[in-house]
Amino acid sequence: MLNPHAKLVQNIFDAKLEQKPTRDGFGTGTIEAGKSNENVLVLCADLAESTRAEWFQKEFPERFIEMGIAEQNMAATAAGFALAGKVPFMASYAAFSPGRNYEQIRTTIALNNLHVVVCGMHAGVSVGPDGATHQMLEDIGLMRMLPGMTVIAPSDAEEARKAVVAASKMSTPVYIRFGRSPVPSYTTPETPFEIGKALVLWDSELAEGVEGIQIPQKAKVAIMTTGSMSHQALVAARALAAEGIGTIVLSVPTIKPLDTEAVVSVARRTSHVVTIEEHTVMGGFGSAVAECLSEQYPVKIVRLGTQDVFGQSGTPDELMQHYGLSAVHIGEAVREILNHTQHKKN
């Protein structure tokens, strides 16, 4: 009989998992939030179909505002609605919001600590053929530097839905990052989600009974992941387990405030950490983890992400491989960090 953790793992690796972009979670989440709270509004910058804002528009046309290609005005207008007691969600590509309207987000929303939910769509290199101009790789760093701003990167469409609903109930600024490329929907309505909390998705010491794993294995490396990379991390963890390498996969959807307790706890169990994000390694999720551990529990860290470069045009799969963001690359990083430690001991 499988233990509860093994049952969760079996669901994660179900070959029949539905593939959805996390932006779908924005569409379903805003409708749910809108039904619960008549003050919820959605503003969009001429991208209603691409962002899934049109789903809310069809349900609540009187609460949808098309701003046109005017991201700066959208931020200022959203701030005004928040001051009037509304709960505005503002949607555009992340390259344009917060990319184009950062100053307005900073001054009219964050500086005034207003409850506006900034939704950055089509983030990361997995946007694909749109190329570098549309592949926002700096948004996590930009937004987590703003005082009082909560920053969330959901890992699948269901978690994105939960994040949107939870964000609608806050009282301070929120940034949520969404992707266009479909990813496996491995979480369920029952999977725990709470803003500010991380979740252990995989622990090789508790995975006895999972196909390909015969006995519990002591975890040697913590793989910490956020956003679209979470399922890739799980695929890597299972492949490593088949080689006898134990890992813990910690999913961290809330990058700010970081769940420092969970990050430190998992690092203490392994003393080796690999972070993975579809974002530049400078100032992003890996940086947040490194900052936390350097102060509270220094360990060896390898950060995977884009390395001081812009994106380029290609298919999502080609780009994920090119920038070292696949399960194979995560596995290589785990082996590398273990080999480095072994060489030091010798």
Protein backbone atom coordinates (compact mmCIF):
# COMPACT_ATOMS: atom_id res chain seq x y z
CA MET A 1 0.00 0.00 0.00
CA LEU A 2 1.41 3.41 -0.95
CA ASN A 3 2.01 5.96 1.78
CA PRO A 4 0.24 9.35 1.31
CA HIS A 5 3.37 10.98 -0.10
CA ALA A 6 3.80 8.20 -2.66
CA LYS A 7 0.16 8.63 -3.74
CA LEU A 8 0.83 12.32 -4.40
CA VAL A 9 3.91 11.40 -6.41
CA GLN A 10 1.99 8.88 -8.49
CA ASN A 11 -0.49 11.60 -9.46
CA ILE A 12 2.37 13.94 -10.38
CA PHE A 13 3.79 11.41 -12.82
CA ASP A 14 0.49 10.34 -14.34
CA ALA A 15 1.14 10.10 -18.09
CA LYS A 16 -2.37 11.39 -18.78
CA LEU A 17 -1.88 14.75 -17.09
CA GLU A 18 -3.62 17.54 -18.95
CA GLN A 19 -1.39 20.22 -20.45
CA LYS A 20 -2.50 23.82 -19.88
CA PRO A 21 -0.75 27.20 -19.83
CA THR A 22 -0.78 28.92 -16.45
CA ARG A 23 -2.54 31.89 -18.08
CA ASP A 24 -5.66 29.67 -18.14
CA GLY A 25 -5.59 29.84 -14.36
CA PHE A 26 -5.83 33.61 -14.62
CA GLY A 27 -8.97 33.32 -16.69
CA THR A 28 -10.73 30.83 -14.40
CA GLY A 29 -9.41 32.47 -11.24
CA THR A 30 -10.65 35.95 -12.06
CA ILE A 31 -14.14 34.60 -12.83
CA GLU A 32 -14.18 32.80 -9.49
CA ALA A 33 -12.94 35.91 -7.67
CA GLY A 34 -15.47 38.04 -9.56
CA LYS A 35 -18.34 35.84 -8.46
CA SER A 36 -17.23 36.09 -4.83
CA ASN A 37 -16.56 39.83 -4.84
CA GLU A 38 -18.45 42.32 -6.99
CA ASN A 39 -15.59 44.81 -6.56
CA VAL A 40 -13.22 42.68 -8.64
CA LEU A 41 -12.37 44.31 -11.98
CA VAL A 42 -10.08 43.32 -14.86
CA LEU A 43 -8.16 45.88 -16.91
CA CYS A 44 -6.37 44.81 -20.07
CA ALA A 45 -3.97 46.48 -22.52
CA ASP A 46 -5.36 45.30 -25.87
CA LEU A 47 -4.52 41.64 -25.21
CA ALA A 48 -7.77 40.19 -23.86
CA GLU A 49 -7.60 36.98 -25.89
CA SER A 50 -3.91 36.25 -25.28
CA THR A 51 -4.07 36.93 -21.56
CA ARG A 52 -7.39 35.10 -21.04
CA ALA A 53 -8.88 38.36 -19.75
CA GLU A 54 -11.66 37.83 -22.29
CA TRP A 55 -12.95 34.98 -20.13
CA PHE A 56 -13.72 37.51 -17.39
CA GLN A 57 -15.02 39.97 -19.98
CA LYS A 58 -17.64 37.50 -21.23
CA GLU A 59 -18.78 36.76 -17.67
CA PHE A 60 -18.72 40.33 -16.36
CA PRO A 61 -18.65 42.76 -19.31
CA GLU A 62 -19.56 45.70 -17.07
CA ARG A 63 -16.48 45.06 -14.92
CA PHE A 64 -13.97 44.71 -17.76
CA ILE A 65 -12.02 47.76 -18.95
CA GLU A 66 -10.12 47.69 -22.24
CA MET A 67 -7.31 50.21 -21.88
CA GLY A 68 -5.78 49.83 -25.33
CA ILE A 69 -2.01 49.83 -25.82
CA ALA A 70 -1.49 52.10 -22.82
CA GLU A 71 0.16 50.13 -20.03
CA GLN A 72 1.23 53.23 -18.10
CA ASN A 73 -2.32 54.54 -18.07
CA MET A 74 -3.57 51.10 -17.07
CA ALA A 75 -1.38 51.11 -13.94
CA ALA A 76 -2.49 54.60 -12.93
CA THR A 77 -6.15 53.76 -13.60
CA ALA A 78 -5.87 50.55 -11.57
CA ALA A 79 -4.43 52.59 -8.69
CA GLY A 80 -7.44 54.92 -8.89
CA PHE A 81 -9.86 52.01 -8.79
CA ALA A 82 -8.05 50.58 -5.75
CA LEU A 83 -8.33 53.92 -3.96
CA ALA A 84 -12.08 53.79 -4.68
CA GLY A 85 -12.39 50.39 -2.99
CA LYS A 86 -12.27 48.18 -6.08
CA VAL A 87 -10.00 45.13 -6.55
CA PRO A 88 -8.37 45.65 -9.95
CA PHE A 89 -6.45 42.96 -11.84
CA MET A 90 -4.36 44.43 -14.67
CA ALA A 91 -3.24 42.11 -17.44
CA SER A 92 -0.69 42.41 -20.23
CA TYR A 93 2.45 40.66 -21.39
CA ALA A 94 5.12 40.79 -18.69
CA ALA A 95 7.43 42.48 -21.20
CA PHE A 96 5.03 45.44 -21.14
CA SER A 97 3.68 45.20 -17.60
CA PRO A 98 5.88 45.54 -15.56
CA GLY A 99 8.37 45.99 -18.40
CA ARG A 100 6.96 49.18 -19.91
CA ASN A 101 5.07 50.66 -16.96
CA TYR A 102 7.43 49.93 -14.07
CA GLU A 103 7.59 53.55 -12.95
CA GLN A 104 3.79 53.81 -12.75
CA ILE A 105 3.56 50.52 -10.85
CA ARG A 106 6.25 51.74 -8.48
CA THR A 107 4.86 55.23 -7.88
CA THR A 108 1.09 54.93 -8.13
CA ILE A 109 0.61 51.36 -6.81
CA ALA A 110 3.53 50.18 -4.66
CA LEU A 111 4.41 53.53 -3.08
CA ASN A 112 0.80 53.89 -1.97
CA ASN A 113 0.57 50.23 -0.90
CA LEU A 114 -2.58 49.73 -2.97
CA HIS A 115 -4.36 46.44 -3.55
CA VAL A 116 -3.73 46.05 -7.27
CA VAL A 117 -2.92 42.65 -8.76
CA VAL A 118 -0.40 43.07 -11.59
CA CYS A 119 -0.54 40.05 -13.92
CA GLY A 120 2.47 39.53 -16.18
CA MET A 121 1.62 37.12 -19.00
CA HIS A 122 3.83 35.25 -21.48
CA ALA A 123 6.85 35.46 -19.17
CA GLY A 124 10.05 33.50 -19.78
CA VAL A 125 11.68 32.05 -22.89
CA SER A 126 8.87 29.53 -23.40
CA VAL A 127 6.91 32.26 -25.22
CA GLY A 128 8.97 30.87 -28.09
CA PRO A 129 8.98 32.46 -31.58
CA ASP A 130 8.01 35.91 -30.26
CA GLY A 131 11.70 36.37 -29.45
CA ALA A 132 13.71 38.52 -27.07
CA THR A 133 11.42 41.56 -27.15
CA HIS A 134 8.56 39.53 -25.67
CA GLN A 135 10.50 37.07 -23.49
CA MET A 136 10.51 38.82 -20.12
CA LEU A 137 13.34 37.40 -18.00
CA GLU A 138 13.76 40.22 -15.49
CA ASP A 139 10.29 40.69 -13.98
CA ILE A 140 10.77 38.70 -10.78
CA GLY A 141 13.80 40.78 -9.91
CA LEU A 142 12.04 44.06 -10.74
CA MET A 143 8.94 43.30 -8.74
CA ARG A 144 10.47 41.69 -5.68
CA MET A 145 12.57 44.81 -5.13
CA LEU A 146 9.45 46.93 -4.67
CA PRO A 147 8.65 47.40 -0.97
CA GLY A 148 5.44 45.65 0.06
CA MET A 149 5.00 43.80 -3.24
CA THR A 150 4.04 40.11 -3.03
CA VAL A 151 5.49 38.08 -5.92
CA ILE A 152 3.98 34.76 -7.05
CA ALA A 153 4.94 32.37 -9.87
CA PRO A 154 2.40 29.50 -10.06
CA SER A 155 3.60 26.14 -11.34
CA ASP A 156 0.50 25.03 -13.25
CA ALA A 157 -2.96 26.25 -14.24
CA GLU A 158 -4.68 24.95 -11.10
CA GLU A 159 -2.15 26.61 -8.81
CA ALA A 160 -2.50 29.78 -10.89
CA ARG A 161 -6.26 29.75 -10.29
CA LYS A 162 -5.70 29.44 -6.56
CA ALA A 163 -3.11 32.23 -6.61
CA VAL A 164 -5.53 34.59 -8.38
CA VAL A 165 -8.33 33.88 -5.92
CA ALA A 166 -5.98 34.27 -2.94
CA ALA A 167 -4.56 37.52 -4.34
CA SER A 168 -8.08 38.95 -4.67
CA LYS A 169 -8.46 38.61 -0.89
CA MET A 170 -5.30 40.48 0.04
CA SER A 171 -5.05 44.20 0.80
CA THR A 172 -1.60 45.02 -0.58
CA PRO A 173 0.08 44.96 -4.06
CA VAL A 174 0.60 41.61 -5.75
CA TYR A 175 2.49 40.49 -8.86
CA ILE A 176 1.59 37.14 -10.44
CA ARG A 177 3.66 35.67 -13.27
CA PHE A 178 2.00 33.54 -15.98
CA GLY A 179 3.20 31.60 -19.03
CA ARG A 180 1.82 30.90 -22.50
CA SER A 181 3.31 27.46 -23.16
CA PRO A 182 1.24 24.52 -21.83
CA VAL A 183 2.68 22.68 -18.82
CA PRO A 184 1.41 19.54 -17.04
CA SER A 185 -1.42 20.28 -14.61
CA TYR A 186 -0.13 18.04 -11.82
CA THR A 187 -1.71 19.77 -8.81
CA THR A 188 -5.36 19.27 -7.92
CA PRO A 189 -7.98 21.34 -6.09
CA GLU A 190 -6.94 19.44 -2.94
CA THR A 191 -3.21 20.26 -3.26
CA PRO A 192 -2.33 22.78 -0.53
CA PHE A 193 -1.73 26.38 -1.59
CA GLU A 194 -1.17 29.40 0.60
CA ILE A 195 0.52 32.67 -0.27
CA GLY A 196 3.89 32.74 1.46
CA LYS A 197 4.16 28.96 1.84
CA ALA A 198 6.37 26.47 0.00
CA LEU A 199 5.41 22.82 -0.55
CA VAL A 200 7.53 19.66 -0.64
CA LEU A 201 6.44 17.88 -3.82
CA TRP A 202 8.97 15.09 -3.71
CA ASP A 203 10.97 13.50 -0.91
CA SER A 204 12.88 10.41 -1.95
CA GLU A 205 12.93 9.18 1.65
CA LEU A 206 9.13 8.98 1.58
CA ALA A 207 8.68 7.66 -1.95
CA GLU A 208 8.81 3.92 -1.23
CA GLY A 209 6.36 2.12 -3.48
CA VAL A 210 6.67 4.52 -6.38
CA GLU A 211 7.54 2.72 -9.61
CA GLY A 212 11.31 2.71 -10.17
CA ILE A 213 12.14 3.28 -6.48
CA GLN A 214 12.66 0.17 -4.39
CA ILE A 215 13.71 1.59 -1.01
CA PRO A 216 13.67 4.98 0.68
CA GLN A 217 16.77 6.98 -0.24
CA LYS A 218 18.47 9.58 1.90
CA ALA A 219 18.02 12.98 0.29
CA LYS A 220 21.35 14.48 -0.75
CA VAL A 221 20.29 17.53 -2.78
CA ALA A 222 17.40 19.97 -2.47
CA ILE A 223 15.93 21.09 -5.78
CA MET A 224 14.11 24.35 -5.18
CA THR A 225 11.85 25.49 -7.97
CA THR A 226 9.28 28.10 -8.88
CA GLY A 227 6.78 28.61 -11.68
CA SER A 228 6.85 26.54 -14.84
CA MET A 229 10.01 24.68 -13.85
CA SER A 230 8.39 22.69 -11.05
CA HIS A 231 7.30 19.70 -13.12
CA GLN A 232 10.70 19.58 -14.84
CA ALA A 233 12.27 19.38 -11.38
CA LEU A 234 10.01 16.47 -10.49
CA VAL A 235 10.91 14.59 -13.67
CA ALA A 236 14.58 15.13 -12.85
CA ALA A 237 14.10 13.93 -9.26
CA ARG A 238 12.50 10.69 -10.38
CA ALA A 239 15.27 10.02 -12.90
CA LEU A 240 17.89 10.68 -10.24
CA ALA A 241 16.12 8.31 -7.85
CA ALA A 242 16.46 5.54 -10.42
CA GLU A 243 20.22 6.16 -10.22
CA GLY A 244 20.18 5.97 -6.43
CA ILE A 245 20.46 9.74 -5.89
CA GLY A 246 17.98 11.00 -3.32
CA THR A 247 16.51 14.49 -3.56
CA ILE A 248 13.85 16.76 -2.12
CA VAL A 249 11.85 18.97 -4.49
CA LEU A 250 10.58 22.13 -2.83
CA SER A 251 8.05 24.09 -4.86
CA VAL A 252 8.15 27.79 -3.97
CA PRO A 253 5.30 29.59 -5.75
CA THR A 254 5.59 32.65 -3.51
CA ILE A 255 8.97 34.22 -4.15
CA LYS A 256 8.21 37.18 -1.90
CA PRO A 257 7.62 36.82 0.98
CA LEU A 258 9.89 33.78 0.77
CA ASP A 259 9.07 30.82 3.00
CA THR A 260 12.43 31.04 4.74
CA GLU A 261 11.50 28.40 7.29
CA ALA A 262 10.91 25.79 4.58
CA VAL A 263 13.97 26.83 2.56
CA VAL A 264 16.28 26.58 5.58
CA SER A 265 14.69 23.34 6.81
CA VAL A 266 15.20 21.58 3.47
CA ALA A 267 18.74 22.97 3.11
CA ARG A 268 19.64 21.62 6.57
CA ARG A 269 18.53 18.15 5.51
CA THR A 270 20.67 18.10 2.37
CA SER A 271 23.41 20.79 2.55
CA HIS A 272 23.25 21.02 -1.25
CA VAL A 273 20.80 23.20 -3.16
CA VAL A 274 19.94 23.58 -6.86
CA THR A 275 17.49 26.35 -7.81
CA ILE A 276 15.69 26.49 -11.13
CA GLU A 277 13.65 29.29 -12.72
CA GLU A 278 12.57 30.48 -16.17
CA HIS A 279 14.17 33.85 -15.48
CA THR A 280 17.61 35.38 -15.28
CA VAL A 281 19.69 34.11 -12.37
CA MET A 282 20.41 37.75 -11.47
CA GLY A 283 17.95 39.04 -8.91
CA GLY A 284 15.35 36.33 -9.35
CA PHE A 285 14.20 33.31 -7.37
CA GLY A 286 17.66 31.76 -7.04
CA SER A 287 18.99 35.04 -5.74
CA ALA A 288 16.23 35.17 -3.12
CA VAL A 289 17.15 31.65 -1.95
CA ALA A 290 20.86 32.48 -1.92
CA GLU A 291 20.25 35.64 0.10
CA CYS A 292 18.22 33.68 2.64
CA LEU A 293 20.69 30.82 3.03
CA SER A 294 23.80 33.02 3.10
CA GLU A 295 22.40 34.64 6.24
CA GLN A 296 20.75 31.67 7.92
CA TYR A 297 22.40 28.45 6.74
CA PRO A 298 25.22 28.77 4.17
CA VAL A 299 25.38 25.81 1.78
CA LYS A 300 26.64 25.07 -1.71
CA ILE A 301 24.12 26.44 -4.27
CA VAL A 302 23.89 26.06 -8.04
CA ARG A 303 21.39 28.45 -9.69
CA LEU A 304 19.85 27.45 -13.02
CA GLY A 305 18.23 30.09 -15.20
CA THR A 306 19.27 32.33 -18.07
CA GLN A 307 22.81 33.62 -17.67
CA ASP A 308 23.06 37.38 -18.33
CA VAL A 309 21.55 37.06 -21.81
CA PHE A 310 18.36 38.01 -23.60
CA GLY A 311 16.12 35.41 -25.20
CA GLN A 312 15.80 34.58 -28.88
CA SER A 313 13.27 33.14 -31.30
CA GLY A 314 12.64 29.40 -31.32
CA THR A 315 10.13 26.78 -30.23
CA PRO A 316 9.53 26.54 -26.48
CA ASP A 317 11.25 23.14 -26.30
CA GLU A 318 14.27 24.35 -28.29
CA LEU A 319 14.68 27.36 -26.04
CA MET A 320 14.31 25.42 -22.81
CA GLN A 321 17.05 23.08 -23.99
CA HIS A 322 19.25 25.92 -25.25
CA TYR A 323 19.11 27.79 -21.95
CA GLY A 324 19.61 24.69 -19.80
CA LEU A 325 16.13 24.62 -18.29
CA SER A 326 15.10 21.00 -18.89
CA ALA A 327 14.88 18.05 -16.52
CA VAL A 328 18.10 16.71 -18.04
CA HIS A 329 19.94 19.91 -17.14
CA ILE A 330 18.57 19.83 -13.60
CA GLY A 331 19.84 16.27 -13.23
CA GLU A 332 23.26 17.33 -14.51
CA ALA A 333 23.39 20.16 -11.97
CA VAL A 334 22.57 17.75 -9.13
CA ARG A 335 25.33 15.36 -10.17
CA GLU A 336 27.75 18.25 -10.59
CA ILE A 337 27.14 19.61 -7.11
CA LEU A 338 27.59 16.14 -5.59
CA ASN A 339 30.77 15.49 -7.58
CA HIS A 340 32.17 18.86 -6.51
CA THR A 341 31.60 17.97 -2.87
CA GLN A 342 33.15 14.53 -3.29
CA HIS A 343 36.27 15.98 -4.93
CA LYS A 344 36.69 18.43 -2.05
CA LYS A 345 36.55 15.55 0.45
CA ASN A 346 39.19 13.64 -1.51
